[in-house]
Amino acid sequence: MTNEMIILWESVGLMEQGLIGTTGRQFVVKDKDGNERVVMEPEPIHTFARWKDMGYSVRKGEKAIASFLIWKGAEKHATDKDGNELPETTVRMFMKRSSFFSAKQVEPLRARS
């Protein structure tokens, strides 16, 4: 399962609990038995770093709306027996708990003068 899928399903759960709102759009999903279901699209949630990348800051004092595991990758650079770096790199994937915030918890970053 990709991070996008993990975040979507966690968001749907948060929306159904009333912790976040909806965008007003709908989409159709199929369960493992092939049954279709219409689901409201939840409002977006992102990590602190992702909101920052998008030009927003989490308001001071806000607590994460959710915390769950997503995939993270770490590169490892290969070295020879003398410790010289080789051109090959490997990526190790692992699950990492991340905290998520809703759009109601952020504000645009202020331009610095």
N, C-alpha and C. Protein backbone atom coordinates (compact mmCIF):
# COMPACT_ATOMS: atom_id res chain seq x y z
N MET A 1 0.84 -1.16 0.00
CA MET A 1 0.00 0.00 0.00
C MET A 1 0.89 1.23 0.00
N THR A 2 0.56 2.22 -0.82
CA THR A 2 1.36 3.43 -0.91
C THR A 2 1.00 4.41 0.21
N ASN A 3 1.87 5.39 0.44
CA ASN A 3 1.58 6.42 1.44
C ASN A 3 0.28 7.16 1.11
N GLU A 4 0.06 7.42 -0.18
CA GLU A 4 -1.16 8.13 -0.58
C GLU A 4 -2.40 7.34 -0.18
N MET A 5 -2.36 6.03 -0.36
CA MET A 5 -3.50 5.18 0.01
C MET A 5 -3.66 5.13 1.53
N ILE A 6 -2.56 5.01 2.24
CA ILE A 6 -2.62 4.98 3.71
C ILE A 6 -3.25 6.27 4.23
N ILE A 7 -2.76 7.41 3.72
CA ILE A 7 -3.27 8.71 4.18
C ILE A 7 -4.74 8.87 3.81
N LEU A 8 -5.13 8.45 2.62
CA LEU A 8 -6.53 8.56 2.21
C LEU A 8 -7.44 7.78 3.15
N TRP A 9 -7.10 6.51 3.42
CA TRP A 9 -7.96 5.69 4.28
C TRP A 9 -7.98 6.19 5.71
N GLU A 10 -6.86 6.66 6.21
CA GLU A 10 -6.84 7.25 7.56
C GLU A 10 -7.71 8.52 7.58
N SER A 11 -7.64 9.32 6.49
CA SER A 11 -8.44 10.54 6.39
C SER A 11 -9.93 10.23 6.38
N VAL A 12 -10.33 9.19 5.64
CA VAL A 12 -11.74 8.79 5.60
C VAL A 12 -12.20 8.42 7.01
N GLY A 13 -11.37 7.69 7.75
CA GLY A 13 -11.71 7.32 9.13
C GLY A 13 -11.86 8.55 10.02
N LEU A 14 -10.95 9.52 9.87
CA LEU A 14 -11.04 10.75 10.66
C LEU A 14 -12.30 11.54 10.32
N MET A 15 -12.65 11.54 9.03
CA MET A 15 -13.85 12.24 8.58
C MET A 15 -15.10 11.57 9.16
N GLU A 16 -15.13 10.24 9.11
CA GLU A 16 -16.28 9.51 9.64
C GLU A 16 -16.43 9.69 11.16
N GLN A 17 -15.32 9.97 11.85
CA GLN A 17 -15.36 10.25 13.29
C GLN A 17 -15.72 11.70 13.58
N GLY A 18 -15.78 12.53 12.53
CA GLY A 18 -16.11 13.94 12.71
C GLY A 18 -14.93 14.80 13.09
N LEU A 19 -13.70 14.28 12.97
CA LEU A 19 -12.52 15.04 13.35
C LEU A 19 -12.04 15.98 12.24
N ILE A 20 -12.35 15.66 10.99
CA ILE A 20 -12.05 16.55 9.88
C ILE A 20 -13.28 16.63 8.99
N GLY A 21 -13.30 17.62 8.12
CA GLY A 21 -14.44 17.81 7.23
C GLY A 21 -14.25 17.12 5.89
N THR A 22 -15.07 17.51 4.94
CA THR A 22 -15.04 16.94 3.60
C THR A 22 -14.85 18.06 2.57
N THR A 23 -14.40 17.69 1.40
CA THR A 23 -14.26 18.66 0.31
C THR A 23 -15.59 18.87 -0.41
N GLY A 24 -16.54 17.98 -0.16
CA GLY A 24 -17.83 18.04 -0.84
C GLY A 24 -17.88 17.16 -2.09
N ARG A 25 -16.72 16.64 -2.50
CA ARG A 25 -16.68 15.74 -3.65
C ARG A 25 -16.84 14.30 -3.18
N GLN A 26 -17.25 13.44 -4.11
CA GLN A 26 -17.42 12.02 -3.81
C GLN A 26 -16.56 11.19 -4.75
N PHE A 27 -16.25 9.97 -4.33
CA PHE A 27 -15.60 9.01 -5.21
C PHE A 27 -16.10 7.62 -4.87
N VAL A 28 -15.93 6.71 -5.81
CA VAL A 28 -16.41 5.34 -5.65
C VAL A 28 -15.21 4.45 -5.36
N VAL A 29 -15.35 3.59 -4.35
CA VAL A 29 -14.29 2.64 -4.01
C VAL A 29 -14.87 1.23 -4.02
N LYS A 30 -14.00 0.28 -4.24
CA LYS A 30 -14.39 -1.14 -4.18
C LYS A 30 -13.68 -1.77 -3.00
N ASP A 31 -14.43 -2.58 -2.24
CA ASP A 31 -13.80 -3.30 -1.15
C ASP A 31 -13.17 -4.59 -1.68
N LYS A 32 -12.59 -5.38 -0.80
CA LYS A 32 -11.89 -6.59 -1.23
C LYS A 32 -12.82 -7.62 -1.85
N ASP A 33 -14.13 -7.51 -1.59
CA ASP A 33 -15.11 -8.44 -2.18
C ASP A 33 -15.67 -7.92 -3.50
N GLY A 34 -15.23 -6.74 -3.92
CA GLY A 34 -15.71 -6.17 -5.18
C GLY A 34 -16.95 -5.31 -5.06
N ASN A 35 -17.44 -5.09 -3.85
CA ASN A 35 -18.61 -4.25 -3.64
C ASN A 35 -18.22 -2.78 -3.75
N GLU A 36 -19.02 -2.01 -4.50
CA GLU A 36 -18.75 -0.58 -4.66
C GLU A 36 -19.43 0.22 -3.57
N ARG A 37 -18.77 1.30 -3.17
CA ARG A 37 -19.30 2.18 -2.14
C ARG A 37 -18.95 3.61 -2.50
N VAL A 38 -19.90 4.53 -2.35
CA VAL A 38 -19.65 5.95 -2.59
C VAL A 38 -19.17 6.56 -1.27
N VAL A 39 -18.03 7.25 -1.34
CA VAL A 39 -17.41 7.83 -0.15
C VAL A 39 -17.20 9.32 -0.41
N MET A 40 -17.46 10.14 0.60
CA MET A 40 -17.15 11.56 0.51
C MET A 40 -15.63 11.72 0.59
N GLU A 41 -15.10 12.67 -0.16
CA GLU A 41 -13.67 12.93 -0.13
C GLU A 41 -13.34 13.76 1.11
N PRO A 42 -12.42 13.29 1.97
CA PRO A 42 -12.06 14.05 3.17
C PRO A 42 -11.18 15.24 2.83
N GLU A 43 -11.20 16.24 3.71
CA GLU A 43 -10.30 17.37 3.53
C GLU A 43 -8.87 16.87 3.69
N PRO A 44 -7.91 17.53 3.07
CA PRO A 44 -6.53 17.03 3.12
C PRO A 44 -5.91 17.16 4.50
N ILE A 45 -5.07 16.21 4.83
CA ILE A 45 -4.21 16.27 6.01
C ILE A 45 -2.79 16.03 5.52
N HIS A 46 -1.85 16.68 6.17
CA HIS A 46 -0.43 16.56 5.79
C HIS A 46 0.43 16.59 7.04
N THR A 47 1.69 16.19 6.88
CA THR A 47 2.66 16.29 7.96
C THR A 47 3.10 17.74 8.10
N PHE A 48 3.74 18.04 9.22
CA PHE A 48 4.28 19.38 9.47
C PHE A 48 5.19 19.80 8.31
N ALA A 49 6.10 18.89 7.91
CA ALA A 49 7.06 19.20 6.84
C ALA A 49 6.36 19.45 5.50
N ARG A 50 5.34 18.67 5.20
CA ARG A 50 4.62 18.84 3.92
C ARG A 50 3.88 20.16 3.90
N TRP A 51 3.22 20.53 5.01
CA TRP A 51 2.56 21.84 5.05
C TRP A 51 3.59 22.95 4.82
N LYS A 52 4.76 22.82 5.44
CA LYS A 52 5.81 23.84 5.28
C LYS A 52 6.25 23.93 3.82
N ASP A 53 6.43 22.77 3.17
CA ASP A 53 6.80 22.74 1.75
C ASP A 53 5.75 23.44 0.88
N MET A 54 4.50 23.38 1.32
CA MET A 54 3.40 23.98 0.57
C MET A 54 3.18 25.46 0.92
N GLY A 55 4.03 26.00 1.82
CA GLY A 55 3.94 27.42 2.16
C GLY A 55 3.06 27.73 3.35
N TYR A 56 2.85 26.75 4.23
CA TYR A 56 2.02 26.95 5.41
C TYR A 56 2.80 26.61 6.67
N SER A 57 2.35 27.16 7.78
CA SER A 57 2.93 26.87 9.07
C SER A 57 1.83 26.37 10.00
N VAL A 58 2.13 25.33 10.76
CA VAL A 58 1.18 24.85 11.76
C VAL A 58 1.15 25.89 12.87
N ARG A 59 -0.07 26.31 13.25
CA ARG A 59 -0.22 27.32 14.31
C ARG A 59 0.38 26.82 15.62
N LYS A 60 0.99 27.75 16.35
CA LYS A 60 1.59 27.43 17.65
C LYS A 60 0.52 26.85 18.58
N GLY A 61 0.88 25.77 19.25
CA GLY A 61 -0.01 25.14 20.21
C GLY A 61 -0.93 24.08 19.63
N GLU A 62 -0.98 23.95 18.30
CA GLU A 62 -1.84 22.92 17.68
C GLU A 62 -1.27 21.54 17.93
N LYS A 63 -2.14 20.60 18.20
CA LYS A 63 -1.76 19.20 18.37
C LYS A 63 -2.15 18.44 17.11
N ALA A 64 -1.40 17.42 16.77
CA ALA A 64 -1.68 16.62 15.57
C ALA A 64 -3.09 16.04 15.64
N ILE A 65 -3.79 16.06 14.52
CA ILE A 65 -5.14 15.49 14.42
C ILE A 65 -5.07 13.96 14.40
N ALA A 66 -3.92 13.44 13.93
CA ALA A 66 -3.74 11.98 13.85
C ALA A 66 -2.25 11.66 13.79
N SER A 67 -1.93 10.44 14.16
CA SER A 67 -0.57 9.93 14.08
C SER A 67 -0.66 8.47 13.65
N PHE A 68 0.00 8.14 12.53
CA PHE A 68 -0.04 6.77 12.04
C PHE A 68 1.20 6.46 11.23
N LEU A 69 1.39 5.18 10.90
CA LEU A 69 2.58 4.73 10.18
C LEU A 69 2.46 4.97 8.68
N ILE A 70 3.53 5.52 8.09
CA ILE A 70 3.66 5.64 6.64
C ILE A 70 5.06 5.16 6.25
N TRP A 71 5.26 4.94 4.95
CA TRP A 71 6.54 4.47 4.45
C TRP A 71 7.56 5.60 4.40
N LYS A 72 8.80 5.27 4.73
CA LYS A 72 9.92 6.20 4.66
C LYS A 72 11.08 5.46 4.02
N GLY A 73 11.87 6.14 3.22
CA GLY A 73 13.03 5.53 2.58
C GLY A 73 14.31 6.18 3.04
N ALA A 74 15.34 5.39 3.20
CA ALA A 74 16.65 5.89 3.58
C ALA A 74 17.68 5.34 2.60
N GLU A 75 18.45 6.24 2.01
CA GLU A 75 19.49 5.82 1.08
C GLU A 75 20.75 5.40 1.83
N LYS A 76 21.38 4.38 1.32
CA LYS A 76 22.66 3.95 1.87
C LYS A 76 23.65 3.92 0.71
N HIS A 77 24.74 4.65 0.86
CA HIS A 77 25.76 4.70 -0.18
C HIS A 77 26.75 3.57 0.04
N ALA A 78 27.03 2.83 -1.00
CA ALA A 78 27.96 1.70 -0.92
C ALA A 78 29.40 2.22 -0.86
N THR A 79 30.23 1.49 -0.12
CA THR A 79 31.66 1.83 -0.04
C THR A 79 32.49 0.58 -0.30
N ASP A 80 33.69 0.81 -0.79
CA ASP A 80 34.58 -0.34 -1.00
C ASP A 80 35.32 -0.64 0.30
N LYS A 81 36.23 -1.63 0.26
CA LYS A 81 36.93 -2.06 1.48
C LYS A 81 37.82 -0.97 2.07
N ASP A 82 38.18 0.04 1.25
CA ASP A 82 39.02 1.14 1.74
C ASP A 82 38.18 2.32 2.24
N GLY A 83 36.87 2.18 2.16
CA GLY A 83 35.99 3.25 2.64
C GLY A 83 35.64 4.28 1.59
N ASN A 84 36.07 4.05 0.34
CA ASN A 84 35.74 4.98 -0.74
C ASN A 84 34.30 4.76 -1.19
N GLU A 85 33.60 5.85 -1.43
CA GLU A 85 32.20 5.74 -1.83
C GLU A 85 32.08 5.23 -3.26
N LEU A 86 31.19 4.27 -3.47
CA LEU A 86 30.91 3.71 -4.79
C LEU A 86 29.65 4.36 -5.36
N PRO A 87 29.48 4.30 -6.69
CA PRO A 87 28.31 4.96 -7.30
C PRO A 87 26.97 4.31 -6.96
N GLU A 88 26.97 3.07 -6.46
CA GLU A 88 25.70 2.40 -6.16
C GLU A 88 25.13 2.90 -4.83
N THR A 89 23.83 3.06 -4.82
CA THR A 89 23.14 3.34 -3.57
C THR A 89 21.97 2.38 -3.46
N THR A 90 21.61 2.07 -2.25
CA THR A 90 20.44 1.23 -2.02
C THR A 90 19.46 2.03 -1.15
N VAL A 91 18.20 1.75 -1.34
CA VAL A 91 17.18 2.42 -0.54
C VAL A 91 16.52 1.38 0.35
N ARG A 92 16.52 1.66 1.62
CA ARG A 92 15.88 0.78 2.60
C ARG A 92 14.55 1.42 2.99
N MET A 93 13.47 0.67 2.83
CA MET A 93 12.14 1.18 3.16
C MET A 93 11.72 0.64 4.53
N PHE A 94 11.10 1.50 5.32
CA PHE A 94 10.60 1.11 6.62
C PHE A 94 9.39 1.97 6.97
N MET A 95 8.63 1.52 7.96
CA MET A 95 7.45 2.28 8.40
C MET A 95 7.87 3.22 9.52
N LYS A 96 7.34 4.44 9.46
CA LYS A 96 7.66 5.45 10.47
C LYS A 96 6.38 6.14 10.89
N ARG A 97 6.20 6.34 12.19
CA ARG A 97 5.02 7.04 12.70
C ARG A 97 5.19 8.52 12.40
N SER A 98 4.16 9.11 11.78
CA SER A 98 4.17 10.52 11.44
C SER A 98 2.91 11.18 11.96
N SER A 99 3.03 12.45 12.30
CA SER A 99 1.91 13.23 12.81
C SER A 99 1.32 14.06 11.68
N PHE A 100 -0.01 14.16 11.67
CA PHE A 100 -0.72 14.85 10.60
C PHE A 100 -1.59 15.97 11.15
N PHE A 101 -1.69 17.05 10.35
CA PHE A 101 -2.45 18.24 10.70
C PHE A 101 -3.43 18.56 9.58
N SER A 102 -4.58 19.13 9.94
CA SER A 102 -5.60 19.50 8.94
C SER A 102 -5.40 20.94 8.51
N ALA A 103 -6.11 21.33 7.46
CA ALA A 103 -6.01 22.70 6.93
C ALA A 103 -6.47 23.73 7.95
N LYS A 104 -7.35 23.35 8.87
CA LYS A 104 -7.84 24.27 9.90
C LYS A 104 -6.77 24.60 10.92
N GLN A 105 -5.68 23.84 10.94
CA GLN A 105 -4.63 24.02 11.92
C GLN A 105 -3.42 24.78 11.39
N VAL A 106 -3.49 25.24 10.16
CA VAL A 106 -2.33 25.90 9.56
C VAL A 106 -2.71 27.31 9.07
N GLU A 107 -1.67 28.10 8.83
CA GLU A 107 -1.83 29.44 8.28
C GLU A 107 -0.71 29.68 7.28
N PRO A 108 -0.91 30.56 6.31
CA PRO A 108 0.15 30.83 5.32
C PRO A 108 1.40 31.37 6.03
N LEU A 109 2.55 30.97 5.52
CA LEU A 109 3.82 31.50 6.06
C LEU A 109 3.88 32.99 5.76
N ARG A 110 4.39 33.74 6.70
CA ARG A 110 4.51 35.18 6.51
C ARG A 110 5.77 35.47 5.73
N ALA A 111 5.67 36.48 4.83
CA ALA A 111 6.85 36.90 4.07
C ALA A 111 7.77 37.66 5.02
N ARG A 112 9.05 37.37 4.95
CA ARG A 112 10.02 38.05 5.81
C ARG A 112 10.44 39.36 5.18
N SER A 113 10.57 40.39 5.99
CA SER A 113 10.97 41.71 5.45
C SER A 113 12.46 41.89 5.51
